Amino acid sequence: MRVVDLTHPITAEIPVYFPWHPATVLERTATYEENRCEVRRLSIGTHSGTHIDAPSHVLEGKPTLDQYDPGLWYVDAQVLDFTPREPGKEISKEEIAAKLKVKGAGVVIKTGWDREFGKIDYYKTYPPLSTRAAEFLVEMNVPVVAADTPYTLDVHYVLLSHGIPLVTNLNNTGQLKEGRITLIAAPLLIKASDGAPARVLAIIE
């Protein structure tokens, strides 16, 4: 068994791409010298770094992240490898359908774009999942979708309206091969949250 950490580390330098996303702040509030221990205050947006989106992120009155059964965060998943990928090239329904044959498993979309995370044009150049591909994932009864990219707003609406959480901005997907894994995607338990930072792991047998 091998464990791959698919999480971007939380730092004060986590990029903020939209003005309504708060910057991450890590502030030391206790030191070894003065307090005989070290403590930091963390301030972070619910959609910063590697994180999970709940339906309430874009749909008023829909489920928040804490309302999900925790069993959803430990699922069998299929890695779909689309590397190498050109900047901005959509992942089509036909490409997804050629790789995903079994209903009911989680999906991990690998594009290699995790290497671009933190760059100023990350959100402008990532290869997005297409709307038709997202609709196909709904047809395949996918319980959770994870990717090493963001998602378009239209894809948010398609998947989240069907209650499918979006695991966003995976890291280290270059260590994954196409095939089955166990996906652990554990969001912080925040009351009534539209999303949350998450620790995401792949278990490879």
N, C-alpha and C. Protein backbone atom coordinates (compact mmCIF):
# COMPACT_ATOMS: atom_id res chain seq x y z
N MET A 1 0.84 -1.20 0.00
CA MET A 1 0.00 0.00 0.00
C MET A 1 0.87 1.25 0.00
N ARG A 2 0.45 2.25 -0.74
CA ARG A 2 1.16 3.53 -0.78
C ARG A 2 0.13 4.65 -0.61
N VAL A 3 0.53 5.69 0.12
CA VAL A 3 -0.33 6.85 0.34
C VAL A 3 0.28 8.06 -0.35
N VAL A 4 -0.52 8.72 -1.19
CA VAL A 4 -0.08 9.94 -1.88
C VAL A 4 -0.88 11.11 -1.33
N ASP A 5 -0.17 12.13 -0.86
CA ASP A 5 -0.83 13.34 -0.36
C ASP A 5 -1.18 14.24 -1.54
N LEU A 6 -2.46 14.47 -1.73
CA LEU A 6 -2.95 15.27 -2.86
C LEU A 6 -3.30 16.70 -2.45
N THR A 7 -2.70 17.16 -1.35
CA THR A 7 -3.06 18.44 -0.76
C THR A 7 -1.97 19.49 -0.97
N HIS A 8 -2.35 20.69 -1.38
CA HIS A 8 -1.42 21.82 -1.37
C HIS A 8 -1.25 22.30 0.07
N PRO A 9 -0.02 22.51 0.52
CA PRO A 9 0.18 23.00 1.88
C PRO A 9 -0.46 24.37 2.09
N ILE A 10 -0.96 24.60 3.30
CA ILE A 10 -1.50 25.91 3.66
C ILE A 10 -0.36 26.82 4.08
N THR A 11 -0.22 27.91 3.37
CA THR A 11 0.78 28.92 3.70
C THR A 11 0.14 30.30 3.54
N ALA A 12 0.82 31.31 4.02
CA ALA A 12 0.33 32.67 3.84
C ALA A 12 0.40 33.11 2.38
N GLU A 13 1.08 32.31 1.56
CA GLU A 13 1.24 32.65 0.15
C GLU A 13 0.22 31.96 -0.75
N ILE A 14 -0.75 31.26 -0.18
CA ILE A 14 -1.78 30.64 -1.03
C ILE A 14 -2.40 31.72 -1.91
N PRO A 15 -2.45 31.48 -3.21
CA PRO A 15 -2.95 32.54 -4.10
C PRO A 15 -4.43 32.82 -3.91
N VAL A 16 -4.80 34.07 -4.07
CA VAL A 16 -6.21 34.50 -4.06
C VAL A 16 -6.51 35.04 -5.45
N TYR A 17 -7.49 34.44 -6.12
CA TYR A 17 -7.73 34.78 -7.52
C TYR A 17 -8.96 35.65 -7.73
N PHE A 18 -9.78 35.79 -6.68
CA PHE A 18 -10.98 36.60 -6.81
C PHE A 18 -11.04 37.57 -5.63
N PRO A 19 -11.54 38.78 -5.83
CA PRO A 19 -11.52 39.78 -4.75
C PRO A 19 -12.38 39.40 -3.55
N TRP A 20 -13.35 38.50 -3.73
CA TRP A 20 -14.20 38.10 -2.62
C TRP A 20 -13.62 36.90 -1.85
N HIS A 21 -12.47 36.41 -2.28
CA HIS A 21 -11.79 35.35 -1.53
C HIS A 21 -10.77 35.99 -0.59
N PRO A 22 -10.86 35.74 0.71
CA PRO A 22 -9.93 36.38 1.64
C PRO A 22 -8.53 35.80 1.54
N ALA A 23 -7.55 36.62 1.80
CA ALA A 23 -6.17 36.16 1.85
C ALA A 23 -5.99 35.26 3.07
N THR A 24 -5.03 34.36 2.98
CA THR A 24 -4.70 33.49 4.11
C THR A 24 -3.70 34.19 5.02
N VAL A 25 -3.97 34.13 6.32
CA VAL A 25 -3.09 34.75 7.31
C VAL A 25 -2.67 33.69 8.32
N LEU A 26 -1.36 33.57 8.53
CA LEU A 26 -0.80 32.72 9.57
C LEU A 26 0.00 33.63 10.50
N GLU A 27 -0.46 33.76 11.72
CA GLU A 27 0.15 34.71 12.65
C GLU A 27 0.55 33.99 13.94
N ARG A 28 1.81 34.11 14.33
CA ARG A 28 2.26 33.49 15.57
C ARG A 28 1.73 34.28 16.77
N THR A 29 1.07 33.59 17.69
CA THR A 29 0.50 34.24 18.87
C THR A 29 1.17 33.79 20.16
N ALA A 30 2.02 32.77 20.09
CA ALA A 30 2.81 32.34 21.25
C ALA A 30 4.14 31.81 20.76
N THR A 31 5.18 32.01 21.54
CA THR A 31 6.53 31.57 21.16
C THR A 31 7.13 30.72 22.27
N TYR A 32 8.13 29.92 21.88
CA TYR A 32 8.83 29.10 22.87
C TYR A 32 9.48 29.97 23.94
N GLU A 33 10.04 31.10 23.49
CA GLU A 33 10.78 31.96 24.41
C GLU A 33 9.87 32.61 25.45
N GLU A 34 8.70 33.08 25.01
CA GLU A 34 7.82 33.81 25.92
C GLU A 34 6.76 32.94 26.59
N ASN A 35 6.35 31.87 25.90
CA ASN A 35 5.20 31.10 26.41
C ASN A 35 5.49 29.62 26.60
N ARG A 36 6.72 29.20 26.26
CA ARG A 36 7.13 27.81 26.37
C ARG A 36 6.32 26.89 25.44
N CYS A 37 5.74 27.48 24.43
CA CYS A 37 5.02 26.72 23.41
C CYS A 37 4.86 27.62 22.19
N GLU A 38 4.45 27.02 21.11
CA GLU A 38 4.22 27.80 19.89
C GLU A 38 2.78 27.62 19.45
N VAL A 39 2.11 28.74 19.14
CA VAL A 39 0.72 28.74 18.68
C VAL A 39 0.59 29.75 17.55
N ARG A 40 -0.23 29.39 16.55
CA ARG A 40 -0.50 30.33 15.46
C ARG A 40 -1.99 30.52 15.28
N ARG A 41 -2.37 31.70 14.84
CA ARG A 41 -3.74 31.97 14.41
C ARG A 41 -3.80 31.78 12.91
N LEU A 42 -4.80 31.02 12.46
CA LEU A 42 -5.01 30.79 11.04
C LEU A 42 -6.31 31.44 10.59
N SER A 43 -6.22 32.27 9.56
CA SER A 43 -7.41 32.83 8.91
C SER A 43 -7.35 32.43 7.44
N ILE A 44 -8.38 31.73 6.98
CA ILE A 44 -8.35 31.21 5.61
C ILE A 44 -9.76 31.17 5.04
N GLY A 45 -9.89 31.39 3.76
CA GLY A 45 -11.18 31.29 3.10
C GLY A 45 -11.63 29.85 2.96
N THR A 46 -12.92 29.66 2.82
CA THR A 46 -13.46 28.30 2.69
C THR A 46 -13.18 27.69 1.31
N HIS A 47 -12.65 28.50 0.39
CA HIS A 47 -12.36 27.98 -0.96
C HIS A 47 -10.91 28.29 -1.35
N SER A 48 -10.02 28.16 -0.39
CA SER A 48 -8.60 28.42 -0.63
C SER A 48 -7.83 27.11 -0.67
N GLY A 49 -6.79 27.07 -1.50
CA GLY A 49 -5.95 25.89 -1.58
C GLY A 49 -6.74 24.67 -2.02
N THR A 50 -6.36 23.51 -1.52
CA THR A 50 -7.11 22.28 -1.77
C THR A 50 -8.34 22.31 -0.88
N HIS A 51 -9.52 22.26 -1.48
CA HIS A 51 -10.74 22.43 -0.71
C HIS A 51 -11.90 21.69 -1.37
N ILE A 52 -13.03 21.67 -0.67
CA ILE A 52 -14.22 21.00 -1.18
C ILE A 52 -15.38 21.99 -1.20
N ASP A 53 -16.11 22.01 -2.32
CA ASP A 53 -17.28 22.87 -2.47
C ASP A 53 -18.55 22.10 -2.14
N ALA A 54 -19.43 22.73 -1.37
CA ALA A 54 -20.76 22.19 -1.09
C ALA A 54 -21.78 22.83 -2.03
N PRO A 55 -22.94 22.21 -2.22
CA PRO A 55 -23.98 22.82 -3.05
C PRO A 55 -24.33 24.24 -2.63
N SER A 56 -24.29 24.53 -1.33
CA SER A 56 -24.65 25.87 -0.86
C SER A 56 -23.66 26.94 -1.31
N HIS A 57 -22.54 26.52 -1.87
CA HIS A 57 -21.56 27.48 -2.42
C HIS A 57 -22.19 28.33 -3.52
N VAL A 58 -23.03 27.71 -4.35
CA VAL A 58 -23.62 28.44 -5.48
C VAL A 58 -25.14 28.36 -5.52
N LEU A 59 -25.75 27.57 -4.62
CA LEU A 59 -27.20 27.36 -4.66
C LEU A 59 -27.79 27.63 -3.28
N GLU A 60 -28.48 28.73 -3.17
CA GLU A 60 -29.05 29.13 -1.88
C GLU A 60 -30.04 28.08 -1.38
N GLY A 61 -29.91 27.73 -0.10
CA GLY A 61 -30.81 26.78 0.51
C GLY A 61 -30.46 25.32 0.31
N LYS A 62 -29.41 25.04 -0.45
CA LYS A 62 -29.00 23.66 -0.70
C LYS A 62 -28.03 23.19 0.40
N PRO A 63 -27.70 21.89 0.44
CA PRO A 63 -26.91 21.35 1.55
C PRO A 63 -25.55 22.03 1.75
N THR A 64 -25.21 22.16 3.02
CA THR A 64 -23.88 22.64 3.40
C THR A 64 -22.97 21.43 3.62
N LEU A 65 -21.68 21.69 3.71
CA LEU A 65 -20.72 20.58 3.73
C LEU A 65 -20.88 19.70 4.96
N ASP A 66 -21.23 20.28 6.08
CA ASP A 66 -21.36 19.51 7.32
C ASP A 66 -22.59 18.61 7.32
N GLN A 67 -23.48 18.76 6.35
CA GLN A 67 -24.69 17.93 6.29
C GLN A 67 -24.46 16.60 5.59
N TYR A 68 -23.28 16.41 5.00
CA TYR A 68 -23.00 15.16 4.30
C TYR A 68 -22.62 14.06 5.27
N ASP A 69 -23.00 12.83 4.94
CA ASP A 69 -22.55 11.66 5.69
C ASP A 69 -21.02 11.58 5.57
N PRO A 70 -20.30 11.44 6.68
CA PRO A 70 -18.83 11.41 6.58
C PRO A 70 -18.29 10.23 5.77
N GLY A 71 -19.12 9.22 5.54
CA GLY A 71 -18.67 8.11 4.70
C GLY A 71 -18.36 8.52 3.28
N LEU A 72 -18.91 9.66 2.84
CA LEU A 72 -18.65 10.14 1.48
C LEU A 72 -17.19 10.54 1.30
N TRP A 73 -16.52 10.85 2.37
CA TRP A 73 -15.14 11.33 2.27
C TRP A 73 -14.11 10.19 2.22
N TYR A 74 -14.61 8.96 2.13
CA TYR A 74 -13.76 7.78 2.01
C TYR A 74 -14.40 6.89 0.95
N VAL A 75 -13.95 6.99 -0.31
CA VAL A 75 -14.64 6.32 -1.41
C VAL A 75 -13.65 5.66 -2.37
N ASP A 76 -14.15 4.62 -3.04
CA ASP A 76 -13.42 4.09 -4.20
C ASP A 76 -13.53 5.09 -5.32
N ALA A 77 -12.42 5.31 -6.02
CA ALA A 77 -12.42 6.32 -7.08
C ALA A 77 -11.60 5.84 -8.27
N GLN A 78 -11.93 6.40 -9.41
CA GLN A 78 -11.23 6.10 -10.66
C GLN A 78 -10.41 7.32 -11.06
N VAL A 79 -9.11 7.14 -11.23
CA VAL A 79 -8.24 8.20 -11.75
C VAL A 79 -8.35 8.21 -13.27
N LEU A 80 -8.69 9.36 -13.83
CA LEU A 80 -8.78 9.55 -15.28
C LEU A 80 -7.64 10.47 -15.69
N ASP A 81 -6.71 9.95 -16.48
CA ASP A 81 -5.48 10.66 -16.82
C ASP A 81 -5.64 11.36 -18.18
N PHE A 82 -5.56 12.70 -18.16
CA PHE A 82 -5.65 13.49 -19.39
C PHE A 82 -4.35 14.25 -19.66
N THR A 83 -3.26 13.76 -19.11
CA THR A 83 -1.96 14.38 -19.36
C THR A 83 -1.33 13.76 -20.60
N PRO A 84 -0.51 14.58 -21.31
CA PRO A 84 -0.33 16.03 -21.15
C PRO A 84 -1.55 16.78 -21.71
N ARG A 85 -1.81 17.94 -21.16
CA ARG A 85 -3.00 18.70 -21.54
C ARG A 85 -2.62 20.11 -21.95
N GLU A 86 -3.21 20.57 -23.05
CA GLU A 86 -2.96 21.93 -23.51
C GLU A 86 -3.68 22.93 -22.63
N PRO A 87 -3.11 24.13 -22.46
CA PRO A 87 -3.79 25.16 -21.67
C PRO A 87 -5.18 25.46 -22.22
N GLY A 88 -6.16 25.50 -21.33
CA GLY A 88 -7.51 25.91 -21.71
C GLY A 88 -8.31 24.90 -22.50
N LYS A 89 -7.76 23.74 -22.81
CA LYS A 89 -8.48 22.76 -23.63
C LYS A 89 -9.48 22.00 -22.77
N GLU A 90 -10.76 22.13 -23.10
CA GLU A 90 -11.81 21.47 -22.33
C GLU A 90 -11.67 19.95 -22.37
N ILE A 91 -12.06 19.33 -21.27
CA ILE A 91 -12.17 17.88 -21.22
C ILE A 91 -13.60 17.53 -21.62
N SER A 92 -13.75 16.83 -22.71
CA SER A 92 -15.06 16.61 -23.30
C SER A 92 -15.77 15.40 -22.69
N LYS A 93 -17.06 15.35 -22.94
CA LYS A 93 -17.85 14.18 -22.53
C LYS A 93 -17.28 12.91 -23.15
N GLU A 94 -16.91 12.99 -24.41
CA GLU A 94 -16.42 11.80 -25.11
C GLU A 94 -15.12 11.30 -24.48
N GLU A 95 -14.25 12.22 -24.06
CA GLU A 95 -13.00 11.82 -23.41
C GLU A 95 -13.26 11.14 -22.07
N ILE A 96 -14.21 11.69 -21.32
CA ILE A 96 -14.55 11.08 -20.04
C ILE A 96 -15.18 9.70 -20.26
N ALA A 97 -16.13 9.63 -21.19
CA ALA A 97 -16.85 8.38 -21.44
C ALA A 97 -15.92 7.27 -21.92
N ALA A 98 -14.85 7.63 -22.61
CA ALA A 98 -13.90 6.63 -23.10
C ALA A 98 -13.12 5.97 -21.96
N LYS A 99 -13.06 6.64 -20.83
CA LYS A 99 -12.27 6.13 -19.71
C LYS A 99 -13.13 5.62 -18.55
N LEU A 100 -14.32 6.20 -18.35
CA LEU A 100 -15.15 5.87 -17.21
C LEU A 100 -16.27 4.93 -17.65
N LYS A 101 -16.19 3.67 -17.24
CA LYS A 101 -17.14 2.65 -17.69
C LYS A 101 -18.04 2.14 -16.57
N VAL A 102 -17.64 2.38 -15.32
CA VAL A 102 -18.37 1.81 -14.18
C VAL A 102 -19.09 2.92 -13.43
N LYS A 103 -20.37 2.71 -13.16
CA LYS A 103 -21.15 3.69 -12.41
C LYS A 103 -20.86 3.61 -10.91
N GLY A 104 -21.06 4.75 -10.23
CA GLY A 104 -21.07 4.75 -8.78
C GLY A 104 -19.74 4.96 -8.09
N ALA A 105 -18.66 5.14 -8.84
CA ALA A 105 -17.35 5.38 -8.23
C ALA A 105 -17.02 6.86 -8.28
N GLY A 106 -16.23 7.32 -7.32
CA GLY A 106 -15.71 8.68 -7.38
C GLY A 106 -14.77 8.84 -8.57
N VAL A 107 -14.52 10.07 -8.94
CA VAL A 107 -13.66 10.35 -10.09
C VAL A 107 -12.58 11.35 -9.69
N VAL A 108 -11.35 11.05 -10.10
CA VAL A 108 -10.22 11.97 -9.93
C VAL A 108 -9.71 12.34 -11.31
N ILE A 109 -9.80 13.61 -11.65
CA ILE A 109 -9.39 14.09 -12.98
C ILE A 109 -7.97 14.63 -12.89
N LYS A 110 -7.09 13.99 -13.64
CA LYS A 110 -5.66 14.34 -13.64
C LYS A 110 -5.31 15.06 -14.94
N THR A 111 -4.89 16.32 -14.81
CA THR A 111 -4.48 17.09 -15.99
C THR A 111 -3.02 17.54 -15.92
N GLY A 112 -2.42 17.43 -14.74
CA GLY A 112 -1.07 17.93 -14.53
C GLY A 112 -1.01 19.40 -14.19
N TRP A 113 -2.20 20.03 -14.04
CA TRP A 113 -2.22 21.48 -13.82
C TRP A 113 -1.87 21.87 -12.38
N ASP A 114 -1.73 20.88 -11.51
CA ASP A 114 -1.29 21.18 -10.15
C ASP A 114 0.09 21.84 -10.13
N ARG A 115 0.87 21.58 -11.17
CA ARG A 115 2.21 22.19 -11.25
C ARG A 115 2.13 23.70 -11.49
N GLU A 116 0.98 24.17 -11.96
CA GLU A 116 0.80 25.59 -12.25
C GLU A 116 0.17 26.35 -11.08
N PHE A 117 -0.21 25.62 -10.04
CA PHE A 117 -0.89 26.26 -8.90
C PHE A 117 0.01 27.34 -8.29
N GLY A 118 -0.58 28.49 -8.05
CA GLY A 118 0.17 29.61 -7.49
C GLY A 118 0.61 30.63 -8.52
N LYS A 119 0.58 30.24 -9.80
CA LYS A 119 0.95 31.18 -10.85
C LYS A 119 -0.21 32.14 -11.12
N ILE A 120 0.12 33.33 -11.56
CA ILE A 120 -0.88 34.39 -11.70
C ILE A 120 -1.96 34.05 -12.72
N ASP A 121 -1.62 33.22 -13.72
CA ASP A 121 -2.60 32.90 -14.76
C ASP A 121 -3.24 31.53 -14.57
N TYR A 122 -3.13 30.95 -13.39
CA TYR A 122 -3.62 29.60 -13.11
C TYR A 122 -5.10 29.45 -13.51
N TYR A 123 -5.93 30.40 -13.09
CA TYR A 123 -7.37 30.30 -13.38
C TYR A 123 -7.70 30.65 -14.83
N LYS A 124 -6.79 31.30 -15.51
CA LYS A 124 -7.05 31.68 -16.90
C LYS A 124 -6.62 30.60 -17.89
N THR A 125 -5.76 29.69 -17.46
CA THR A 125 -5.17 28.74 -18.40
C THR A 125 -5.50 27.29 -18.12
N TYR A 126 -6.16 26.98 -16.99
CA TYR A 126 -6.38 25.57 -16.65
C TYR A 126 -7.33 24.91 -17.67
N PRO A 127 -7.18 23.61 -17.91
CA PRO A 127 -8.06 22.89 -18.84
C PRO A 127 -9.32 22.43 -18.12
N PRO A 128 -10.46 23.05 -18.36
CA PRO A 128 -11.66 22.79 -17.56
C PRO A 128 -12.41 21.55 -18.01
N LEU A 129 -13.13 20.98 -17.08
CA LEU A 129 -14.13 19.96 -17.40
C LEU A 129 -15.28 20.66 -18.13
N SER A 130 -15.74 20.07 -19.22
CA SER A 130 -16.83 20.69 -19.96
C SER A 130 -18.17 20.44 -19.26
N THR A 131 -19.16 21.25 -19.61
CA THR A 131 -20.49 21.10 -19.03
C THR A 131 -21.09 19.75 -19.40
N ARG A 132 -20.92 19.34 -20.65
CA ARG A 132 -21.47 18.05 -21.09
C ARG A 132 -20.77 16.89 -20.38
N ALA A 133 -19.48 17.04 -20.12
CA ALA A 133 -18.76 16.01 -19.36
C ALA A 133 -19.30 15.92 -17.94
N ALA A 134 -19.59 17.08 -17.34
CA ALA A 134 -20.16 17.10 -16.00
C ALA A 134 -21.53 16.41 -15.99
N GLU A 135 -22.33 16.66 -17.00
CA GLU A 135 -23.64 16.02 -17.09
C GLU A 135 -23.50 14.50 -17.22
N PHE A 136 -22.47 14.06 -17.92
CA PHE A 136 -22.22 12.63 -18.04
C PHE A 136 -21.84 12.03 -16.69
N LEU A 137 -21.06 12.76 -15.90
CA LEU A 137 -20.70 12.28 -14.57
C LEU A 137 -21.94 12.11 -13.69
N VAL A 138 -22.90 13.01 -13.84
CA VAL A 138 -24.16 12.86 -13.12
C VAL A 138 -24.85 11.56 -13.55
N GLU A 139 -24.89 11.31 -14.86
CA GLU A 139 -25.51 10.08 -15.38
C GLU A 139 -24.82 8.83 -14.85
N MET A 140 -23.53 8.93 -14.57
CA MET A 140 -22.76 7.79 -14.09
C MET A 140 -22.83 7.64 -12.56
N ASN A 141 -23.68 8.42 -11.92
CA ASN A 141 -23.89 8.32 -10.47
C ASN A 141 -22.59 8.49 -9.68
N VAL A 142 -21.76 9.41 -10.13
CA VAL A 142 -20.49 9.67 -9.44
C VAL A 142 -20.80 10.39 -8.13
N PRO A 143 -20.33 9.88 -6.99
CA PRO A 143 -20.67 10.51 -5.71
C PRO A 143 -19.85 11.74 -5.38
N VAL A 144 -18.63 11.81 -5.90
CA VAL A 144 -17.74 12.95 -5.63
C VAL A 144 -16.78 13.10 -6.80
N VAL A 145 -16.47 14.34 -7.17
CA VAL A 145 -15.55 14.63 -8.27
C VAL A 145 -14.37 15.42 -7.71
N ALA A 146 -13.16 14.98 -8.06
CA ALA A 146 -11.94 15.65 -7.63
C ALA A 146 -11.09 15.96 -8.86
N ALA A 147 -10.37 17.08 -8.81
CA ALA A 147 -9.53 17.47 -9.95
C ALA A 147 -8.36 18.30 -9.47
N ASP A 148 -7.30 18.29 -10.27
CA ASP A 148 -6.12 19.13 -9.97
C ASP A 148 -6.25 20.50 -10.62
N THR A 149 -7.49 20.93 -10.81
CA THR A 149 -7.83 22.23 -11.39
C THR A 149 -9.01 22.82 -10.63
N PRO A 150 -9.36 24.06 -10.91
CA PRO A 150 -10.67 24.57 -10.52
C PRO A 150 -11.74 24.02 -11.47
N TYR A 151 -12.96 24.51 -11.32
CA TYR A 151 -14.08 24.15 -12.20
C TYR A 151 -14.75 25.44 -12.66
N THR A 152 -15.34 25.39 -13.85
CA THR A 152 -16.10 26.56 -14.30
C THR A 152 -17.37 26.72 -13.46
N LEU A 153 -17.94 27.91 -13.49
CA LEU A 153 -19.16 28.15 -12.74
C LEU A 153 -20.30 27.27 -13.25
N ASP A 154 -20.37 27.06 -14.57
CA ASP A 154 -21.42 26.20 -15.12
C ASP A 154 -21.30 24.78 -14.60
N VAL A 155 -20.08 24.28 -14.50
CA VAL A 155 -19.87 22.93 -13.98
C VAL A 155 -20.23 22.87 -12.49
N HIS A 156 -19.92 23.94 -11.76
CA HIS A 156 -20.38 24.02 -10.37
C HIS A 156 -21.90 23.77 -10.31
N TYR A 157 -22.64 24.48 -11.14
CA TYR A 157 -24.10 24.38 -11.09
C TYR A 157 -24.58 22.98 -11.46
N VAL A 158 -23.97 22.39 -12.48
CA VAL A 158 -24.39 21.05 -12.91
C VAL A 158 -24.18 20.03 -11.80
N LEU A 159 -22.98 19.98 -11.26
CA LEU A 159 -22.65 18.93 -10.30
C LEU A 159 -23.23 19.21 -8.91
N LEU A 160 -23.10 20.45 -8.46
CA LEU A 160 -23.58 20.76 -7.11
C LEU A 160 -25.11 20.71 -7.03
N SER A 161 -25.80 21.00 -8.13
CA SER A 161 -27.26 20.90 -8.11
C SER A 161 -27.73 19.46 -7.94
N HIS A 162 -26.84 18.51 -8.22
CA HIS A 162 -27.14 17.10 -8.01
C HIS A 162 -26.48 16.57 -6.73
N GLY A 163 -25.99 17.49 -5.91
CA GLY A 163 -25.44 17.09 -4.62
C GLY A 163 -24.07 16.48 -4.68
N ILE A 164 -23.35 16.65 -5.78
CA ILE A 164 -22.02 16.05 -5.94
C ILE A 164 -20.96 17.06 -5.52
N PRO A 165 -20.28 16.84 -4.40
CA PRO A 165 -19.26 17.79 -3.94
C PRO A 165 -18.07 17.84 -4.90
N LEU A 166 -17.43 19.01 -4.93
CA LEU A 166 -16.29 19.22 -5.82
C LEU A 166 -15.01 19.37 -5.00
N VAL A 167 -14.12 18.41 -5.13
CA VAL A 167 -12.80 18.49 -4.51
C VAL A 167 -11.90 19.22 -5.50
N THR A 168 -11.34 20.33 -5.06
CA THR A 168 -10.73 21.30 -5.97
C THR A 168 -9.25 21.51 -5.67
N ASN A 169 -8.47 21.70 -6.73
CA ASN A 169 -7.04 22.04 -6.61
C ASN A 169 -6.23 20.94 -5.93
N LEU A 170 -6.34 19.72 -6.46
CA LEU A 170 -5.48 18.64 -5.97
C LEU A 170 -4.02 18.93 -6.27
N ASN A 171 -3.15 18.28 -5.54
CA ASN A 171 -1.70 18.40 -5.72
C ASN A 171 -1.12 17.00 -5.97
N ASN A 172 0.06 16.97 -6.54
CA ASN A 172 0.83 15.72 -6.70
C ASN A 172 0.12 14.65 -7.53
N THR A 173 -0.72 15.06 -8.47
CA THR A 173 -1.40 14.05 -9.27
C THR A 173 -0.45 13.32 -10.22
N GLY A 174 0.73 13.86 -10.41
CA GLY A 174 1.73 13.16 -11.21
C GLY A 174 2.13 11.83 -10.61
N GLN A 175 1.85 11.64 -9.33
CA GLN A 175 2.16 10.37 -8.67
C GLN A 175 1.06 9.33 -8.82
N LEU A 176 -0.02 9.71 -9.50
CA LEU A 176 -1.15 8.79 -9.70
C LEU A 176 -1.13 8.23 -11.11
N LYS A 177 -1.40 6.95 -11.23
CA LYS A 177 -1.59 6.33 -12.52
C LYS A 177 -3.09 6.11 -12.75
N GLU A 178 -3.46 6.01 -14.01
CA GLU A 178 -4.86 5.77 -14.30
C GLU A 178 -5.28 4.43 -13.70
N GLY A 179 -6.44 4.42 -13.05
CA GLY A 179 -6.92 3.20 -12.42
C GLY A 179 -7.63 3.50 -11.12
N ARG A 180 -7.88 2.47 -10.34
CA ARG A 180 -8.66 2.60 -9.12
C ARG A 180 -7.77 2.94 -7.92
N ILE A 181 -8.29 3.79 -7.07
CA ILE A 181 -7.66 4.15 -5.81
C ILE A 181 -8.76 4.25 -4.74
N THR A 182 -8.34 4.37 -3.50
CA THR A 182 -9.24 4.83 -2.46
C THR A 182 -8.95 6.31 -2.22
N LEU A 183 -9.98 7.13 -2.28
CA LEU A 183 -9.83 8.57 -2.10
C LEU A 183 -10.34 8.97 -0.73
N ILE A 184 -9.47 9.61 0.03
CA ILE A 184 -9.87 10.20 1.31
C ILE A 184 -9.82 11.71 1.14
N ALA A 185 -10.96 12.35 1.25
CA ALA A 185 -11.04 13.80 1.08
C ALA A 185 -11.79 14.36 2.28
N ALA A 186 -11.06 14.77 3.30
CA ALA A 186 -11.67 15.11 4.59
C ALA A 186 -11.70 16.62 4.79
N PRO A 187 -12.87 17.24 4.62
CA PRO A 187 -12.97 18.69 4.83
C PRO A 187 -13.02 19.02 6.33
N LEU A 188 -12.56 20.21 6.67
CA LEU A 188 -12.77 20.70 8.02
C LEU A 188 -14.27 20.72 8.33
N LEU A 189 -14.62 20.34 9.54
CA LEU A 189 -16.03 20.31 9.92
C LEU A 189 -16.43 21.69 10.42
N ILE A 190 -16.94 22.50 9.49
CA ILE A 190 -17.35 23.87 9.78
C ILE A 190 -18.87 23.94 9.70
N LYS A 191 -19.50 24.43 10.74
CA LYS A 191 -20.96 24.48 10.77
C LYS A 191 -21.50 25.33 9.63
N ALA A 192 -22.46 24.76 8.91
CA ALA A 192 -23.18 25.48 7.84
C ALA A 192 -22.25 26.04 6.78
N SER A 193 -21.22 25.28 6.43
CA SER A 193 -20.19 25.81 5.53
C SER A 193 -20.51 25.56 4.06
N ASP A 194 -20.22 26.58 3.23
CA ASP A 194 -20.34 26.46 1.77
C ASP A 194 -19.16 25.71 1.16
N GLY A 195 -18.14 25.47 1.96
CA GLY A 195 -16.95 24.76 1.52
C GLY A 195 -15.96 24.74 2.66
N ALA A 196 -14.83 24.05 2.44
CA ALA A 196 -13.83 24.00 3.51
C ALA A 196 -12.51 23.50 2.96
N PRO A 197 -11.39 24.00 3.49
CA PRO A 197 -10.10 23.39 3.18
C PRO A 197 -10.14 21.91 3.56
N ALA A 198 -9.39 21.07 2.84
CA ALA A 198 -9.45 19.64 3.06
C ALA A 198 -8.05 19.03 2.97
N ARG A 199 -7.86 17.96 3.70
CA ARG A 199 -6.68 17.10 3.50
C ARG A 199 -7.13 15.95 2.62
N VAL A 200 -6.49 15.78 1.49
CA VAL A 200 -6.91 14.79 0.50
C VAL A 200 -5.77 13.81 0.28
N LEU A 201 -6.10 12.51 0.38
CA LEU A 201 -5.10 11.45 0.24
C LEU A 201 -5.60 10.42 -0.75
N ALA A 202 -4.66 9.82 -1.48
CA ALA A 202 -4.96 8.68 -2.35
C ALA A 202 -4.29 7.45 -1.74
N ILE A 203 -5.06 6.37 -1.57
CA ILE A 203 -4.52 5.11 -1.09
C ILE A 203 -4.41 4.19 -2.30
N ILE A 204 -3.20 3.75 -2.57
CA ILE A 204 -2.93 2.90 -3.73
C ILE A 204 -2.49 1.53 -3.24
N GLU A 205 -3.28 0.53 -3.60
CA GLU A 205 -2.96 -0.84 -3.16
C GLU A 205 -1.93 -1.48 -4.08
